[in-house]
Amino acid sequence: MNLPAITRRLTRFVITISLLCLSLSLGAAELPNFRQLVKESRPAIVNVSTTQKAEVGGRPRGFNPPGGMGEDPFSEFFKRFYDERPGLPQDRQSNSLGSGFIISPDGYILTNAHVAAKDADKIIIRLSDNRERSAKLIGTDELTDVALLKIEGENLPVVRIGNSDNVEVGEWVLAIGSPFGLEHTATQGIVSAVGRNLPSDAYVPFIQTDAAVNPGNSGGPLFNTRGEVIGINSQIYSSTGGYMGLSFAIPIKLAIQVAEQLKSTGEVTRGWLGIMIQSVNEELAESFSLDRPRGALVSHILPDSPAARAGIQLGDVIVKYGGELVDESSQLPRMIGATPVGKTVPMTILRRGESMEVKATIARLEEQEEMTPLDEYRDERLNLTLSDLSAEQRKVLKLNDHGIVVTSVDDGFAATAGFYPNDVILMVNYQEVHSATQFIKLTAALPAGKAVPVLVLRDEETIFLPLKISSKKE
């Protein structure tokens, strides 16, 4: 082998080694170093413990396990981080543990509402130097799961608050809390998703991470690599009650907004439009003459509500609210909730495929009375068995003269559309249903091959189902 060839090979070898070293160096440089962050932030992170009188079975007064999600498959897996100790006698004390962090030098602390129970007999804050102080509950907001506490003190260490609007998927994060009572435990991960919607939380666009959090982390801070708090660790997705790689944090911007209201008035006010909505899938988009799935489909309108006064109708699809696009139905509750009470908001709706503008004056969200779900005619075309509602059933359901109940569903067009027993059918193709015989006549006249909307009441909510009858029986 001649000298030039050897020189070329050596040169390629040196270049390869240099590139490999550079790659390793860059990779190492991208890995986060949280040591300084932990040192600086640790003094402002606290342990929160509450004491409550336990009832028989060990559940404290006012204990409410997470849920309220009906038949949703997520319902049994979303676990709040509480410390339930079954089997305690009635006269024993039940202690729950969580985390929190100081946001002001005079002692205001953020944590979760489910950590700082409203009816706790005592709330104790343990500081990083192991000193303990009694805390006053300033207020809680269960809809966002945020609570504000206050301890006496001056010049207390505080965390730095970041901007959760700037959080991006893939960036490194650090969670600090007291899992299983092990104080100031730090775990790292990345942001897995932003604006995540959970079945039980209409007002929180969660930050999803894979940072390991467990019971006791609840209420603790989620940091970015700059040492700024971007969220409050709140929930996990788990079939065991422990960490399985899916953790959810309340964005700090939302938490601070809630805290400011709690501090000034002791409560949180939200805007209210008075509608129930559902998402739009491809079949519903077809049945409502939409170009694509988008917007929030109005499935129920409460009487004497801002929506009713604005002229919004069942089957309207809200695609723009206050100048902002509504691509997903989950966006709308947060938009309405953040609207000041008394403000008139323009909305763009699609009604049977036609674009319209309406304006609604937003009212205050109050605790609404819940609709109570219930409990023979045969629709051979749909393979469906139906029954009229009794006067007592209509009274319970708050229905005047319309609505019929599905008693059984067999394989066929109705089953394909998603009908279930105990569904209460309210409307077919924009026509109210007053009796089972009328319903059968309406469905008999439906054209084949075209999806039409059917409004049903199910589990306290009204939803639209896309009913499509093909030319051949399926």
Protein backbone atom coordinates (compact mmCIF):
# COMPACT_ATOMS: atom_id res chain seq x y z
CA MET A 1 0.00 0.00 0.00
CA ASN A 2 1.46 3.36 -1.03
CA LEU A 3 1.92 6.31 1.31
CA PRO A 4 -0.92 8.49 -0.09
CA ALA A 5 -3.44 5.66 0.48
CA ILE A 6 -2.25 5.17 4.07
CA THR A 7 -2.49 8.91 4.64
CA ARG A 8 -6.07 9.00 3.34
CA ARG A 9 -7.10 6.11 5.59
CA LEU A 10 -5.51 7.73 8.63
CA THR A 11 -7.23 10.99 7.83
CA ARG A 12 -10.63 9.27 7.57
CA PHE A 13 -9.98 7.44 10.85
CA VAL A 14 -9.07 10.67 12.67
CA ILE A 15 -12.16 12.44 11.28
CA THR A 16 -14.41 9.54 12.34
CA ILE A 17 -13.02 9.51 15.87
CA SER A 18 -13.34 13.30 16.10
CA LEU A 19 -16.98 13.20 14.97
CA LEU A 20 -17.74 10.43 17.44
CA CYS A 21 -16.19 12.39 20.30
CA LEU A 22 -18.07 15.52 19.25
CA SER A 23 -21.35 13.57 19.13
CA LEU A 24 -20.78 12.12 22.59
CA SER A 25 -19.86 15.54 23.91
CA LEU A 26 -22.99 17.16 22.48
CA GLY A 27 -25.16 14.35 23.80
CA ALA A 28 -23.73 14.74 27.28
CA ALA A 29 -24.19 18.50 27.10
CA GLU A 30 -27.92 18.05 26.37
CA LEU A 31 -28.55 15.96 29.48
CA PRO A 32 -29.94 18.15 32.27
CA ASN A 33 -28.17 18.67 35.57
CA PHE A 34 -30.76 19.31 38.28
CA ARG A 35 -28.38 19.54 41.25
CA GLN A 36 -28.37 23.33 41.48
CA LEU A 37 -32.11 23.49 40.87
CA VAL A 38 -32.81 21.16 43.79
CA LYS A 39 -30.48 23.10 46.10
CA GLU A 40 -32.11 26.42 45.27
CA SER A 41 -35.73 25.22 45.32
CA ARG A 42 -35.71 22.77 48.23
CA PRO A 43 -36.25 25.37 51.01
CA ALA A 44 -39.54 26.52 49.42
CA ILE A 45 -41.04 23.03 49.08
CA VAL A 46 -43.12 21.81 52.02
CA ASN A 47 -44.86 18.72 53.30
CA VAL A 48 -48.60 19.08 53.90
CA SER A 49 -50.39 16.84 56.37
CA THR A 50 -54.01 17.02 57.48
CA THR A 51 -55.84 15.42 60.38
CA GLN A 52 -59.50 14.47 60.19
CA LYS A 53 -61.91 12.49 62.31
CA ALA A 54 -62.38 9.11 60.65
CA GLU A 55 -65.76 7.51 60.09
CA VAL A 56 -66.42 3.78 60.22
CA GLY A 57 -64.27 2.11 57.60
CA GLY A 58 -61.55 4.71 57.95
CA ARG A 59 -62.75 7.30 55.47
CA PRO A 60 -62.46 10.89 56.70
CA ARG A 61 -65.42 13.24 56.69
CA GLY A 62 -66.12 14.60 53.28
CA PHE A 63 -63.96 11.94 51.61
CA ASN A 64 -64.73 11.76 47.91
CA PRO A 65 -62.69 9.34 45.83
CA PRO A 66 -62.03 10.47 42.27
CA GLY A 67 -64.70 9.50 39.80
CA GLY A 68 -67.92 10.87 38.44
CA MET A 69 -66.88 9.67 35.00
CA GLY A 70 -69.66 7.12 34.46
CA GLU A 71 -68.70 4.18 32.30
CA ASP A 72 -65.54 5.84 30.99
CA PRO A 73 -62.71 3.25 30.98
CA PHE A 74 -60.37 5.77 32.58
CA SER A 75 -62.58 6.23 35.63
CA GLU A 76 -61.17 3.44 37.76
CA PHE A 77 -57.58 4.31 36.90
CA PHE A 78 -57.30 8.01 37.64
CA LYS A 79 -56.18 8.21 41.25
CA ARG A 80 -55.89 11.30 43.37
CA PHE A 81 -52.92 11.16 45.69
CA TYR A 82 -54.62 10.64 49.02
CA ASP A 83 -53.68 8.43 51.95
CA GLU A 84 -56.71 6.28 52.69
CA ARG A 85 -56.28 3.92 55.58
CA PRO A 86 -59.17 1.46 55.71
CA GLY A 87 -60.26 -0.24 58.87
CA LEU A 88 -59.61 2.54 61.38
CA PRO A 89 -62.11 2.75 64.26
CA GLN A 90 -64.56 5.62 64.28
CA ASP A 91 -62.79 7.56 67.04
CA ARG A 92 -59.35 7.42 65.46
CA GLN A 93 -57.65 10.17 63.46
CA SER A 94 -56.99 9.84 59.72
CA ASN A 95 -53.85 11.54 58.41
CA SER A 96 -53.33 12.43 54.77
CA LEU A 97 -50.02 13.47 53.31
CA GLY A 98 -49.20 15.66 50.35
CA SER A 99 -46.85 18.34 49.13
CA GLY A 100 -46.92 22.05 48.46
CA PHE A 101 -44.70 25.03 47.75
CA ILE A 102 -44.38 28.58 49.05
CA ILE A 103 -45.21 31.29 46.51
CA SER A 104 -44.84 34.45 48.63
CA PRO A 105 -42.41 35.55 51.40
CA ASP A 106 -45.33 36.08 53.79
CA GLY A 107 -46.35 32.42 53.69
CA TYR A 108 -48.89 31.69 50.96
CA ILE A 109 -48.67 28.07 49.80
CA LEU A 110 -50.09 26.31 46.74
CA THR A 111 -51.19 22.69 46.87
CA ASN A 112 -54.04 20.49 45.63
CA ALA A 113 -57.62 20.82 46.86
CA HIS A 114 -57.77 17.09 47.53
CA VAL A 115 -54.69 17.42 49.78
CA ALA A 116 -56.06 20.34 51.83
CA ALA A 117 -59.53 19.01 52.61
CA LYS A 118 -62.11 21.66 53.49
CA ASP A 119 -63.21 19.87 56.64
CA ALA A 120 -59.75 18.96 57.94
CA ASP A 121 -59.43 19.44 61.68
CA LYS A 122 -55.85 20.57 61.34
CA ILE A 123 -53.39 21.34 58.52
CA ILE A 124 -49.70 21.11 59.39
CA ILE A 125 -46.89 22.41 57.18
CA ARG A 126 -43.42 20.93 57.66
CA LEU A 127 -40.68 23.17 56.25
CA SER A 128 -37.41 21.96 54.76
CA ASP A 129 -35.62 22.51 58.12
CA ASN A 130 -38.22 20.24 59.83
CA ARG A 131 -40.00 23.11 61.61
CA GLU A 132 -43.76 22.67 61.72
CA ARG A 133 -46.41 25.37 61.46
CA SER A 134 -50.19 25.33 61.46
CA ALA A 135 -51.73 26.49 58.21
CA LYS A 136 -54.93 28.36 57.52
CA LEU A 137 -57.00 27.24 54.55
CA ILE A 138 -57.67 30.35 52.47
CA GLY A 139 -59.79 28.52 49.92
CA THR A 140 -60.12 25.57 47.58
CA ASP A 141 -61.35 25.17 44.04
CA GLU A 142 -62.40 21.60 43.38
CA LEU A 143 -62.95 22.12 39.64
CA THR A 144 -59.24 22.78 39.14
CA ASP A 145 -58.07 20.90 42.25
CA VAL A 146 -56.17 23.95 43.55
CA ALA A 147 -55.95 25.06 47.18
CA LEU A 148 -54.33 28.10 48.80
CA LEU A 149 -52.90 27.87 52.33
CA LYS A 150 -51.30 30.48 54.60
CA ILE A 151 -48.71 30.13 57.34
CA GLU A 152 -47.31 32.89 59.51
CA GLY A 153 -43.84 34.09 58.57
CA GLU A 154 -41.67 36.74 56.98
CA ASN A 155 -38.98 36.51 54.33
CA LEU A 156 -39.77 32.86 53.69
CA PRO A 157 -38.06 31.15 50.74
CA VAL A 158 -40.20 31.06 47.59
CA VAL A 159 -40.17 29.22 44.28
CA ARG A 160 -39.76 31.00 40.96
CA ILE A 161 -42.93 30.93 38.86
CA GLY A 162 -42.55 30.14 35.16
CA ASN A 163 -44.86 30.48 32.16
CA SER A 164 -46.74 27.25 31.53
CA ASP A 165 -47.93 28.58 28.16
CA ASN A 166 -44.39 28.11 26.84
CA VAL A 167 -44.05 24.45 27.86
CA GLU A 168 -43.20 22.18 24.93
CA VAL A 169 -43.39 18.44 24.45
CA GLY A 170 -40.00 16.82 24.90
CA GLU A 171 -38.47 19.27 27.35
CA TRP A 172 -36.98 18.03 30.60
CA VAL A 173 -38.88 18.48 33.87
CA LEU A 174 -38.30 17.72 37.54
CA ALA A 175 -40.93 16.82 40.15
CA ILE A 176 -40.26 17.30 43.87
CA GLY A 177 -42.58 16.07 46.62
CA SER A 178 -43.16 13.60 49.42
CA PRO A 179 -44.12 10.25 47.87
CA PHE A 180 -45.29 7.91 50.63
CA GLY A 181 -44.11 10.54 53.11
CA LEU A 182 -40.48 10.52 51.85
CA GLU A 183 -39.92 14.27 51.84
CA HIS A 184 -38.09 16.20 49.12
CA THR A 185 -37.88 13.32 46.69
CA ALA A 186 -36.82 14.48 43.21
CA THR A 187 -37.72 12.63 40.02
CA GLN A 188 -37.03 13.64 36.44
CA GLY A 189 -38.76 13.11 33.12
CA ILE A 190 -39.92 14.87 30.00
CA VAL A 191 -43.13 16.58 28.98
CA SER A 192 -45.17 13.93 27.17
CA ALA A 193 -48.08 16.16 26.10
CA VAL A 194 -49.61 19.57 26.78
CA GLY A 195 -53.25 20.61 26.94
CA ARG A 196 -54.22 17.07 27.87
CA ASN A 197 -57.91 16.64 28.65
CA LEU A 198 -59.01 14.16 31.29
CA PRO A 199 -62.57 12.84 31.57
CA SER A 200 -63.18 14.34 35.03
CA ASP A 201 -61.58 17.76 34.54
CA ALA A 202 -63.24 20.10 32.04
CA TYR A 203 -61.39 23.22 33.22
CA VAL A 204 -57.76 22.01 33.31
CA PRO A 205 -55.49 21.57 30.26
CA PHE A 206 -53.05 19.22 31.99
CA ILE A 207 -49.32 18.94 31.37
CA GLN A 208 -48.60 15.24 30.93
CA THR A 209 -45.14 13.97 31.92
CA ASP A 210 -43.35 10.69 32.56
CA ALA A 211 -41.72 11.96 35.76
CA ALA A 212 -42.27 9.37 38.50
CA VAL A 213 -44.88 10.60 40.98
CA ASN A 214 -46.72 8.59 43.61
CA PRO A 215 -49.15 9.12 46.51
CA GLY A 216 -47.70 12.04 48.51
CA ASN A 217 -46.33 13.88 45.46
CA SER A 218 -49.73 15.48 45.01
CA GLY A 219 -49.58 19.27 45.34
CA GLY A 220 -45.83 19.40 44.74
CA PRO A 221 -44.15 21.53 42.07
CA LEU A 222 -43.13 20.55 38.56
CA PHE A 223 -40.01 22.45 37.44
CA ASN A 224 -38.46 23.17 34.07
CA THR A 225 -34.68 23.14 33.60
CA ARG A 226 -34.47 26.86 34.44
CA GLY A 227 -35.72 26.15 37.96
CA GLU A 228 -39.16 27.66 37.35
CA VAL A 229 -42.40 26.04 38.50
CA ILE A 230 -44.58 25.23 35.49
CA GLY A 231 -47.19 23.04 37.17
CA ILE A 232 -48.66 21.37 40.25
CA ASN A 233 -48.48 17.57 40.23
CA SER A 234 -52.05 16.39 40.62
CA GLN A 235 -53.02 13.05 39.08
CA ILE A 236 -51.66 9.81 37.68
CA TYR A 237 -52.99 7.18 35.32
CA SER A 238 -52.59 3.83 37.04
CA SER A 239 -54.20 0.42 37.35
CA THR A 240 -52.36 -0.18 40.63
CA GLY A 241 -52.54 3.20 42.38
CA GLY A 242 -48.80 3.72 41.83
CA TYR A 243 -46.63 5.22 39.10
CA MET A 244 -47.02 3.73 35.61
CA GLY A 245 -45.39 6.43 33.46
CA LEU A 246 -48.35 8.80 33.06
CA SER A 247 -48.45 11.82 35.37
CA PHE A 248 -50.50 15.01 35.08
CA ALA A 249 -49.78 18.50 36.37
CA ILE A 250 -52.03 21.58 36.58
CA PRO A 251 -50.45 24.43 34.56
CA ILE A 252 -49.06 27.03 36.95
CA LYS A 253 -50.63 29.92 35.05
CA LEU A 254 -54.10 28.52 35.74
CA ALA A 255 -53.19 27.70 39.36
CA ILE A 256 -51.97 31.26 40.01
CA GLN A 257 -55.15 32.73 38.52
CA VAL A 258 -57.20 30.53 40.83
CA ALA A 259 -55.01 31.41 43.82
CA GLU A 260 -55.44 35.15 43.19
CA GLN A 261 -59.24 34.78 43.29
CA LEU A 262 -59.08 32.62 46.41
CA LYS A 263 -56.85 35.18 48.09
CA SER A 264 -59.06 38.15 47.25
CA THR A 265 -62.55 36.63 47.66
CA GLY A 266 -62.12 33.13 49.08
CA GLU A 267 -63.84 31.60 46.06
CA VAL A 268 -63.52 31.25 42.30
CA THR A 269 -66.11 32.60 39.87
CA ARG A 270 -66.48 31.23 36.36
CA GLY A 271 -68.48 32.07 33.32
CA TRP A 272 -71.50 29.95 32.42
CA LEU A 273 -73.27 29.53 29.09
CA GLY A 274 -75.76 26.83 30.06
CA ILE A 275 -75.09 24.10 27.51
CA MET A 276 -73.87 20.54 27.38
CA ILE A 277 -71.54 19.69 24.52
CA GLN A 278 -69.85 16.73 22.90
CA SER A 279 -67.04 16.21 20.44
CA VAL A 280 -67.65 15.78 16.71
CA ASN A 281 -66.38 12.62 15.03
CA GLU A 282 -66.38 11.93 11.30
CA GLU A 283 -69.85 10.37 11.22
CA LEU A 284 -71.39 13.18 13.28
CA ALA A 285 -69.69 15.71 11.00
CA GLU A 286 -71.40 14.03 8.05
CA SER A 287 -74.78 13.96 9.77
CA PHE A 288 -74.54 17.68 10.61
CA SER A 289 -73.27 18.64 7.13
CA LEU A 290 -69.82 19.70 8.32
CA ASP A 291 -66.80 19.69 6.04
CA ARG A 292 -64.70 17.92 8.69
CA PRO A 293 -64.84 16.99 12.40
CA ARG A 294 -64.43 20.21 14.41
CA GLY A 295 -66.07 22.41 17.00
CA ALA A 296 -68.29 21.68 20.00
CA LEU A 297 -71.67 20.09 19.33
CA VAL A 298 -74.50 21.43 21.51
CA SER A 299 -76.39 18.44 22.91
CA HIS A 300 -78.42 20.15 25.67
CA ILE A 301 -79.50 23.69 26.50
CA LEU A 302 -80.65 24.62 29.98
CA PRO A 303 -83.79 26.75 30.12
CA ASP A 304 -83.41 30.46 30.91
CA SER A 305 -79.66 30.22 30.32
CA PRO A 306 -77.38 32.62 28.38
CA ALA A 307 -77.35 30.10 25.52
CA ALA A 308 -81.14 29.90 25.41
CA ARG A 309 -81.45 33.69 25.44
CA ALA A 310 -78.85 33.95 22.66
CA GLY A 311 -80.91 31.66 20.41
CA ILE A 312 -78.49 28.73 20.39
CA GLN A 313 -80.24 25.51 19.36
CA LEU A 314 -79.69 21.79 19.80
CA GLY A 315 -77.41 20.51 17.07
CA ASP A 316 -75.56 23.80 16.67
CA VAL A 317 -71.80 23.36 16.38
CA ILE A 318 -69.77 26.15 18.01
CA VAL A 319 -66.62 26.64 15.92
CA LYS A 320 -65.46 30.02 17.24
CA TYR A 321 -65.79 31.64 20.67
CA GLY A 322 -64.82 35.25 21.29
CA GLY A 323 -62.70 35.28 18.16
CA GLU A 324 -60.83 32.06 19.06
CA LEU A 325 -61.21 28.89 17.02
CA VAL A 326 -62.77 25.90 18.76
CA ASP A 327 -61.13 22.91 17.11
CA GLU A 328 -61.85 20.50 19.95
CA SER A 329 -64.95 20.48 22.15
CA SER A 330 -62.72 20.25 25.25
CA GLN A 331 -61.46 23.78 24.60
CA LEU A 332 -64.85 25.42 25.02
CA PRO A 333 -65.50 24.87 28.77
CA ARG A 334 -62.15 26.49 29.61
CA MET A 335 -62.90 29.43 27.31
CA ILE A 336 -66.33 29.97 28.86
CA GLY A 337 -65.05 29.48 32.40
CA ALA A 338 -62.36 32.12 31.93
CA THR A 339 -64.85 34.69 30.58
CA PRO A 340 -65.77 37.49 33.03
CA VAL A 341 -69.35 37.32 34.26
CA GLY A 342 -71.53 39.82 32.40
CA LYS A 343 -69.37 39.98 29.30
CA THR A 344 -71.11 39.60 25.92
CA VAL A 345 -69.19 37.20 23.71
CA PRO A 346 -69.62 36.71 19.94
CA MET A 347 -69.70 33.13 18.70
CA THR A 348 -69.67 31.52 15.28
CA ILE A 349 -71.91 28.48 14.98
CA LEU A 350 -72.72 26.05 12.20
CA ARG A 351 -76.41 25.21 11.98
CA ARG A 352 -77.20 22.47 9.47
CA GLY A 353 -74.02 23.37 7.66
CA GLU A 354 -74.72 27.12 7.50
CA SER A 355 -72.47 29.59 9.34
CA MET A 356 -74.18 32.00 11.76
CA GLU A 357 -73.09 34.62 14.31
CA VAL A 358 -74.67 34.82 17.76
CA LYS A 359 -73.86 36.78 20.92
CA ALA A 360 -74.34 35.57 24.48
CA THR A 361 -73.98 37.44 27.76
CA ILE A 362 -72.09 35.11 30.10
CA ALA A 363 -73.59 34.45 33.52
CA ARG A 364 -71.97 33.09 36.67
CA LEU A 365 -71.51 29.36 37.05
CA GLU A 366 -73.48 28.10 40.02
CA GLU A 367 -73.98 24.59 41.31
CA GLN A 368 -76.55 23.15 38.95
CA GLU A 369 -79.12 20.55 39.82
CA GLU A 370 -78.11 17.28 38.23
CA MET A 371 -80.40 15.46 35.82
CA THR A 372 -81.29 12.04 37.19
CA PRO A 373 -81.10 9.18 34.68
CA LEU A 374 -83.82 6.46 34.50
CA ASP A 375 -84.65 3.54 33.71
CA GLU A 376 -93.35 -2.25 24.12
CA TYR A 377 -92.67 -1.28 20.91
CA ARG A 378 -90.40 -2.93 18.36
CA ASP A 379 -88.54 -1.02 15.65
CA GLU A 380 -87.78 -3.88 13.24
CA ARG A 381 -85.77 -1.69 10.91
CA LEU A 382 -83.33 -0.69 13.67
CA ASN A 383 -83.66 -3.95 15.67
CA LEU A 384 -84.54 -1.88 18.73
CA THR A 385 -87.09 -2.24 21.54
CA LEU A 386 -88.60 0.97 22.94
CA SER A 387 -90.99 2.18 25.62
CA ASP A 388 -92.87 5.40 26.33
CA LEU A 389 -92.01 7.33 29.49
CA SER A 390 -94.40 7.55 32.39
CA ALA A 391 -95.43 10.89 33.86
CA GLU A 392 -93.25 10.22 36.90
CA GLN A 393 -90.27 9.37 34.70
CA ARG A 394 -90.71 12.60 32.76
CA LYS A 395 -90.83 14.53 36.03
CA VAL A 396 -87.60 12.93 37.24
CA LEU A 397 -85.91 13.60 33.90
CA LYS A 398 -87.34 17.14 33.70
CA LEU A 399 -88.87 16.42 30.30
CA ASN A 400 -92.18 17.93 29.24
CA ASP A 401 -93.88 15.85 26.59
CA HIS A 402 -91.06 14.26 24.63
CA GLY A 403 -88.63 11.39 25.03
CA ILE A 404 -88.83 7.58 24.88
CA VAL A 405 -86.62 4.97 26.52
CA VAL A 406 -84.61 2.19 24.85
CA THR A 407 -85.28 -1.11 26.61
CA SER A 408 -83.09 -3.42 24.50
CA VAL A 409 -80.70 -3.25 21.54
CA ASP A 410 -79.90 -6.13 19.20
CA ASP A 411 -77.39 -6.31 16.35
CA GLY A 412 -78.37 -3.85 13.66
CA PHE A 413 -78.27 -0.20 12.67
CA ALA A 414 -79.03 1.09 16.17
CA ALA A 415 -76.26 -0.98 17.75
CA THR A 416 -73.81 0.23 15.09
CA ALA A 417 -74.80 3.83 15.83
CA GLY A 418 -74.03 3.32 19.52
CA PHE A 419 -77.46 2.98 21.17
CA TYR A 420 -77.59 1.37 24.61
CA PRO A 421 -80.42 0.15 26.86
CA ASN A 422 -81.82 2.94 29.08
CA ASP A 423 -80.90 5.63 26.53
CA VAL A 424 -83.71 8.19 26.36
CA ILE A 425 -84.27 9.26 22.76
CA LEU A 426 -85.21 12.93 22.51
CA MET A 427 -84.85 13.87 18.85
CA VAL A 428 -84.37 12.25 15.43
CA ASN A 429 -83.09 14.24 12.48
CA TYR A 430 -84.04 17.54 14.20
CA GLN A 431 -87.58 16.36 15.10
CA GLU A 432 -88.62 15.87 18.74
CA VAL A 433 -89.74 12.37 19.65
CA HIS A 434 -92.97 12.22 21.67
CA SER A 435 -93.82 8.52 21.52
CA ALA A 436 -92.39 5.16 20.53
CA THR A 437 -94.84 4.81 17.65
CA GLN A 438 -93.87 8.22 16.29
CA PHE A 439 -90.19 7.25 16.52
CA ILE A 440 -90.79 4.10 14.48
CA LYS A 441 -92.58 6.14 11.78
CA LEU A 442 -89.72 8.65 11.70
CA THR A 443 -87.04 6.00 11.33
CA ALA A 444 -89.07 4.19 8.67
CA ALA A 445 -88.92 7.34 6.55
CA LEU A 446 -85.17 7.83 6.94
CA PRO A 447 -83.21 7.54 3.69
CA ALA A 448 -80.65 4.78 3.30
CA GLY A 449 -76.97 5.64 3.04
CA LYS A 450 -77.10 8.99 4.86
CA ALA A 451 -76.19 9.58 8.51
CA VAL A 452 -78.73 11.56 10.53
CA PRO A 453 -78.33 12.91 14.11
CA VAL A 454 -80.24 11.31 16.97
CA LEU A 455 -80.23 13.08 20.35
CA VAL A 456 -80.27 10.81 23.40
CA LEU A 457 -80.08 11.33 27.16
CA ARG A 458 -77.53 8.98 28.75
CA ASP A 459 -76.10 8.96 32.26
CA GLU A 460 -77.20 12.54 33.03
CA GLU A 461 -75.85 13.90 29.73
CA THR A 462 -77.36 14.45 26.30
CA ILE A 463 -75.33 13.32 23.29
CA PHE A 464 -75.87 12.97 19.56
CA LEU A 465 -75.49 9.60 17.83
CA PRO A 466 -75.01 9.32 14.05
CA LEU A 467 -77.66 6.88 12.79
CA LYS A 468 -76.97 5.51 9.33
CA ILE A 469 -79.18 2.97 7.57
CA SER A 470 -77.45 1.15 4.73
CA SER A 471 -79.24 -0.28 1.73
CA LYS A 472 -78.63 -3.79 3.09
CA LYS A 473 -79.33 -4.81 6.64
CA GLU A 474 -76.04 -5.06 8.53
